[in-house]
């Protein structure tokens, strides 16, 4: 049994018990989270595809971590112009563990 959900502008294929990172969701560690934008659901035999979302499916989980990802380096450079800019960025994330997929 799996579902495809949309959150933070990205789509994730998830199953019960999975732990995955999404764009930052406000909430404390241990608080529950529900994903309403379920695009597809499969129970192993039947596949349901939403147009655009499925109303009768809900994915529930809880937050296990709030943090920042590794730093990425953004380097801008223009040749022959003496232009160089070096910046760093750390994207915030929320780690979510899926408790149940309810159809």
N, C-alpha and C. Protein backbone atom coordinates (compact mmCIF):
# COMPACT_ATOMS: atom_id res chain seq x y z
N UNK A 1 0.84 -1.16 0.00
CA UNK A 1 0.00 0.00 0.00
C UNK A 1 0.90 1.24 0.00
N UNK A 2 0.66 2.14 -0.95
CA UNK A 2 1.43 3.37 -1.00
C UNK A 2 0.55 4.49 -1.52
N UNK A 3 1.04 5.71 -1.35
CA UNK A 3 0.34 6.89 -1.83
C UNK A 3 1.36 7.90 -2.33
N UNK A 4 0.91 8.76 -3.21
CA UNK A 4 1.75 9.86 -3.67
C UNK A 4 1.10 11.14 -3.19
N UNK A 5 1.84 11.91 -2.38
CA UNK A 5 1.31 13.15 -1.81
C UNK A 5 2.10 14.34 -2.33
N UNK A 6 1.46 15.50 -2.30
CA UNK A 6 2.07 16.74 -2.73
C UNK A 6 2.19 17.66 -1.52
N UNK A 7 3.41 18.08 -1.19
CA UNK A 7 3.62 19.03 -0.10
C UNK A 7 4.88 19.83 -0.40
N UNK A 8 4.83 21.10 -0.14
CA UNK A 8 5.98 21.96 -0.37
C UNK A 8 6.36 22.08 -1.83
N UNK A 9 5.41 21.88 -2.74
CA UNK A 9 5.70 21.98 -4.16
C UNK A 9 6.37 20.76 -4.75
N UNK A 10 6.49 19.69 -3.97
CA UNK A 10 7.13 18.47 -4.45
C UNK A 10 6.20 17.28 -4.21
N UNK A 11 6.44 16.20 -4.93
CA UNK A 11 5.64 14.99 -4.79
C UNK A 11 6.49 13.88 -4.20
N UNK A 12 5.89 13.12 -3.27
CA UNK A 12 6.61 12.06 -2.56
C UNK A 12 5.79 10.78 -2.62
N UNK A 13 6.46 9.66 -2.91
CA UNK A 13 5.83 8.34 -2.83
C UNK A 13 6.12 7.80 -1.44
N UNK A 14 5.07 7.53 -0.67
CA UNK A 14 5.24 7.12 0.71
C UNK A 14 4.47 5.85 1.01
N UNK A 15 4.97 5.12 2.00
CA UNK A 15 4.32 3.93 2.52
C UNK A 15 4.23 4.06 4.02
N UNK A 16 3.43 3.22 4.63
CA UNK A 16 3.30 3.25 6.08
C UNK A 16 4.63 2.87 6.73
N UNK A 17 5.07 3.68 7.71
CA UNK A 17 6.32 3.43 8.39
C UNK A 17 7.52 4.18 7.79
N UNK A 18 7.34 4.82 6.65
CA UNK A 18 8.43 5.57 6.02
C UNK A 18 8.78 6.82 6.81
N UNK A 19 10.04 7.20 6.76
CA UNK A 19 10.50 8.47 7.31
C UNK A 19 11.07 9.26 6.14
N UNK A 20 10.56 10.46 5.91
CA UNK A 20 11.06 11.26 4.80
C UNK A 20 11.10 12.73 5.18
N UNK A 21 11.91 13.48 4.44
CA UNK A 21 12.11 14.91 4.71
C UNK A 21 11.30 15.73 3.72
N UNK A 22 10.59 16.73 4.25
CA UNK A 22 9.82 17.65 3.42
C UNK A 22 10.26 19.07 3.74
N UNK A 23 9.81 20.02 2.94
CA UNK A 23 10.05 21.42 3.25
C UNK A 23 9.46 21.72 4.62
N UNK A 24 10.00 22.71 5.31
CA UNK A 24 9.65 22.98 6.70
C UNK A 24 8.14 23.13 6.90
N UNK A 25 7.63 22.37 7.85
CA UNK A 25 6.23 22.45 8.28
C UNK A 25 6.24 22.97 9.71
N UNK A 26 5.45 23.99 10.02
CA UNK A 26 5.45 24.47 11.41
C UNK A 26 4.86 23.42 12.35
N UNK A 27 5.48 23.24 13.50
CA UNK A 27 5.01 22.28 14.49
C UNK A 27 6.14 21.80 15.36
N UNK A 28 5.79 21.28 16.51
CA UNK A 28 6.76 20.75 17.46
C UNK A 28 7.05 19.28 17.15
N UNK A 29 8.18 18.79 17.67
CA UNK A 29 8.53 17.38 17.52
C UNK A 29 7.50 16.56 18.29
N UNK A 30 6.94 15.56 17.64
CA UNK A 30 5.93 14.71 18.24
C UNK A 30 4.51 15.09 17.85
N UNK A 31 4.30 16.28 17.30
CA UNK A 31 2.94 16.68 16.92
C UNK A 31 2.54 15.98 15.63
N UNK A 32 1.23 15.81 15.46
CA UNK A 32 0.73 15.06 14.31
C UNK A 32 0.61 15.96 13.09
N UNK A 33 0.72 15.32 11.92
CA UNK A 33 0.65 16.01 10.64
C UNK A 33 -0.26 15.20 9.73
N UNK A 34 -1.08 15.90 8.96
CA UNK A 34 -1.95 15.23 8.00
C UNK A 34 -1.70 15.83 6.61
N UNK A 35 -1.56 14.95 5.62
CA UNK A 35 -1.36 15.39 4.24
C UNK A 35 -2.67 15.16 3.50
N UNK A 36 -3.27 16.25 3.02
CA UNK A 36 -4.57 16.18 2.36
C UNK A 36 -4.47 16.07 0.84
N UNK A 37 -3.39 16.56 0.28
CA UNK A 37 -3.25 16.53 -1.17
C UNK A 37 -2.67 15.18 -1.61
N UNK A 38 -3.51 14.17 -1.66
CA UNK A 38 -3.10 12.83 -2.10
C UNK A 38 -3.43 12.73 -3.58
N UNK A 39 -2.40 12.53 -4.41
CA UNK A 39 -2.58 12.51 -5.85
C UNK A 39 -2.90 11.12 -6.38
N UNK A 40 -2.36 10.08 -5.69
CA UNK A 40 -2.58 8.71 -6.13
C UNK A 40 -2.54 7.79 -4.93
N UNK A 41 -3.33 6.72 -4.97
CA UNK A 41 -3.37 5.74 -3.90
C UNK A 41 -3.45 4.35 -4.50
N UNK A 42 -2.65 3.42 -3.96
CA UNK A 42 -2.68 2.04 -4.42
C UNK A 42 -2.70 1.12 -3.19
N UNK A 43 -3.62 0.16 -3.20
CA UNK A 43 -3.70 -0.80 -2.09
C UNK A 43 -3.10 -2.15 -2.47
N UNK A 44 -2.41 -2.23 -3.59
CA UNK A 44 -1.79 -3.47 -4.04
C UNK A 44 -2.55 -4.11 -5.17
N UNK A 45 -3.86 -3.91 -5.22
CA UNK A 45 -4.69 -4.47 -6.29
C UNK A 45 -5.27 -3.36 -7.16
N UNK A 46 -5.85 -2.35 -6.51
CA UNK A 46 -6.50 -1.26 -7.23
C UNK A 46 -5.68 0.02 -7.10
N UNK A 47 -5.71 0.81 -8.16
CA UNK A 47 -5.02 2.09 -8.17
C UNK A 47 -6.05 3.18 -8.39
N UNK A 48 -6.03 4.20 -7.52
CA UNK A 48 -6.92 5.34 -7.65
C UNK A 48 -6.08 6.58 -7.97
N UNK A 49 -6.47 7.28 -9.03
CA UNK A 49 -5.75 8.48 -9.44
C UNK A 49 -6.70 9.65 -9.30
N UNK A 50 -6.25 10.67 -8.61
CA UNK A 50 -7.08 11.85 -8.39
C UNK A 50 -7.02 12.81 -9.55
N UNK A 51 -8.11 13.56 -9.69
CA UNK A 51 -8.17 14.59 -10.73
C UNK A 51 -8.62 15.88 -10.10
N UNK A 52 -7.80 16.68 -9.49
CA UNK A 52 -6.37 16.54 -9.27
C UNK A 52 -6.02 15.79 -7.98
N UNK A 53 -6.91 15.77 -6.96
CA UNK A 53 -6.59 15.08 -5.71
C UNK A 53 -7.71 14.12 -5.34
N UNK A 54 -7.38 13.17 -4.46
CA UNK A 54 -8.37 12.22 -3.94
C UNK A 54 -8.93 12.77 -2.63
N UNK A 55 -10.24 12.81 -2.53
CA UNK A 55 -10.88 13.36 -1.33
C UNK A 55 -11.03 12.32 -0.22
N UNK A 56 -11.13 11.05 -0.56
CA UNK A 56 -11.42 10.02 0.43
C UNK A 56 -10.17 9.38 1.04
N UNK A 57 -9.00 9.90 0.72
CA UNK A 57 -7.75 9.34 1.24
C UNK A 57 -7.03 10.40 2.08
N UNK A 58 -6.55 9.99 3.26
CA UNK A 58 -5.78 10.88 4.12
C UNK A 58 -4.53 10.16 4.60
N UNK A 59 -3.43 10.87 4.64
CA UNK A 59 -2.16 10.32 5.11
C UNK A 59 -1.82 11.02 6.41
N UNK A 60 -1.60 10.24 7.48
CA UNK A 60 -1.32 10.81 8.79
C UNK A 60 0.04 10.36 9.27
N UNK A 61 0.73 11.27 9.95
CA UNK A 61 2.04 10.97 10.49
C UNK A 61 2.37 11.90 11.64
N UNK A 62 3.60 11.84 12.11
CA UNK A 62 4.02 12.76 13.17
C UNK A 62 5.45 13.23 12.89
N UNK A 63 5.75 14.41 13.41
CA UNK A 63 7.05 15.04 13.20
C UNK A 63 8.07 14.40 14.13
N UNK A 64 9.22 13.98 13.55
CA UNK A 64 10.26 13.40 14.40
C UNK A 64 11.52 14.28 14.46
N UNK A 65 11.62 15.27 13.54
CA UNK A 65 12.81 16.13 13.58
C UNK A 65 12.55 17.42 12.81
N UNK A 66 13.10 18.51 13.31
CA UNK A 66 13.13 19.79 12.62
C UNK A 66 14.60 20.18 12.52
N UNK A 67 15.08 20.48 11.34
CA UNK A 67 16.49 20.79 11.23
C UNK A 67 16.85 21.51 9.95
N UNK A 68 18.16 21.58 9.72
CA UNK A 68 18.69 22.19 8.51
C UNK A 68 19.53 21.16 7.77
N UNK A 69 19.46 21.19 6.45
CA UNK A 69 20.23 20.28 5.61
C UNK A 69 21.68 20.76 5.53
N UNK A 70 22.52 19.99 4.86
CA UNK A 70 23.91 20.38 4.68
C UNK A 70 23.99 21.67 3.87
N UNK A 71 25.06 22.40 4.10
CA UNK A 71 25.26 23.67 3.40
C UNK A 71 25.64 23.42 1.94
N UNK A 72 24.99 24.18 1.06
CA UNK A 72 25.39 24.17 -0.34
C UNK A 72 26.06 25.51 -0.63
N UNK A 73 27.02 25.50 -1.52
CA UNK A 73 27.77 26.70 -1.88
C UNK A 73 27.21 27.26 -3.18
N UNK A 74 26.87 28.55 -3.18
CA UNK A 74 26.40 29.24 -4.38
C UNK A 74 27.53 30.18 -4.79
N UNK A 75 28.15 29.92 -5.93
CA UNK A 75 29.30 30.71 -6.38
C UNK A 75 28.96 31.36 -7.71
N UNK A 76 28.97 32.69 -7.73
CA UNK A 76 28.70 33.45 -8.95
C UNK A 76 30.03 34.00 -9.46
N UNK A 77 30.23 33.94 -10.78
CA UNK A 77 31.50 34.32 -11.35
C UNK A 77 31.29 34.84 -12.76
N UNK A 78 31.93 35.96 -13.07
CA UNK A 78 31.93 36.46 -14.44
C UNK A 78 33.39 36.63 -14.87
N UNK A 79 33.76 35.98 -15.92
CA UNK A 79 35.16 36.01 -16.33
C UNK A 79 35.54 37.40 -16.85
N UNK A 80 36.79 37.74 -16.62
CA UNK A 80 37.40 38.99 -17.08
C UNK A 80 36.77 40.24 -16.46
N UNK A 81 35.92 40.13 -15.48
CA UNK A 81 35.26 41.30 -14.89
C UNK A 81 35.59 41.48 -13.41
N UNK A 82 36.41 40.60 -12.84
CA UNK A 82 36.74 40.61 -11.43
C UNK A 82 35.49 40.51 -10.53
N UNK A 83 34.52 39.72 -10.98
CA UNK A 83 33.28 39.56 -10.23
C UNK A 83 33.20 38.15 -9.67
N UNK A 84 33.20 38.04 -8.36
CA UNK A 84 33.06 36.75 -7.69
C UNK A 84 32.20 36.96 -6.46
N UNK A 85 31.20 36.09 -6.25
CA UNK A 85 30.37 36.13 -5.04
C UNK A 85 30.21 34.71 -4.54
N UNK A 86 30.51 34.50 -3.28
CA UNK A 86 30.38 33.17 -2.68
C UNK A 86 29.37 33.26 -1.55
N UNK A 87 28.32 32.48 -1.65
CA UNK A 87 27.25 32.44 -0.65
C UNK A 87 27.01 31.00 -0.23
N UNK A 88 26.47 30.82 0.95
CA UNK A 88 26.08 29.50 1.42
C UNK A 88 24.61 29.50 1.76
N UNK A 89 24.00 28.32 1.69
CA UNK A 89 22.57 28.20 2.00
C UNK A 89 22.31 26.86 2.68
N UNK A 90 21.53 26.90 3.75
CA UNK A 90 21.10 25.67 4.43
C UNK A 90 19.58 25.65 4.43
N UNK A 91 19.00 24.69 3.74
CA UNK A 91 17.55 24.59 3.63
C UNK A 91 16.98 23.94 4.88
N UNK A 92 15.90 24.52 5.41
CA UNK A 92 15.24 23.94 6.58
C UNK A 92 14.34 22.79 6.13
N UNK A 93 14.25 21.76 6.97
CA UNK A 93 13.42 20.61 6.63
C UNK A 93 12.67 20.12 7.87
N UNK A 94 11.69 19.28 7.63
CA UNK A 94 10.95 18.59 8.67
C UNK A 94 10.96 17.11 8.32
N UNK A 95 11.40 16.26 9.24
CA UNK A 95 11.37 14.82 9.03
C UNK A 95 10.06 14.29 9.60
N UNK A 96 9.32 13.54 8.77
CA UNK A 96 8.00 13.04 9.14
C UNK A 96 7.99 11.53 9.04
N UNK A 97 7.42 10.87 10.05
CA UNK A 97 7.22 9.41 10.01
C UNK A 97 5.74 9.16 9.75
N UNK A 98 5.45 8.31 8.77
CA UNK A 98 4.07 8.04 8.38
C UNK A 98 3.49 6.96 9.29
N UNK A 99 2.37 7.30 9.94
CA UNK A 99 1.69 6.37 10.82
C UNK A 99 0.65 5.52 10.08
N UNK A 100 -0.15 6.17 9.24
CA UNK A 100 -1.22 5.43 8.56
C UNK A 100 -1.62 6.12 7.27
N UNK A 101 -2.11 5.29 6.34
CA UNK A 101 -2.73 5.78 5.12
C UNK A 101 -4.17 5.27 5.16
N UNK A 102 -5.10 6.22 5.31
CA UNK A 102 -6.51 5.85 5.50
C UNK A 102 -7.28 6.13 4.22
N UNK A 103 -7.92 5.08 3.72
CA UNK A 103 -8.72 5.22 2.50
C UNK A 103 -10.20 5.13 2.83
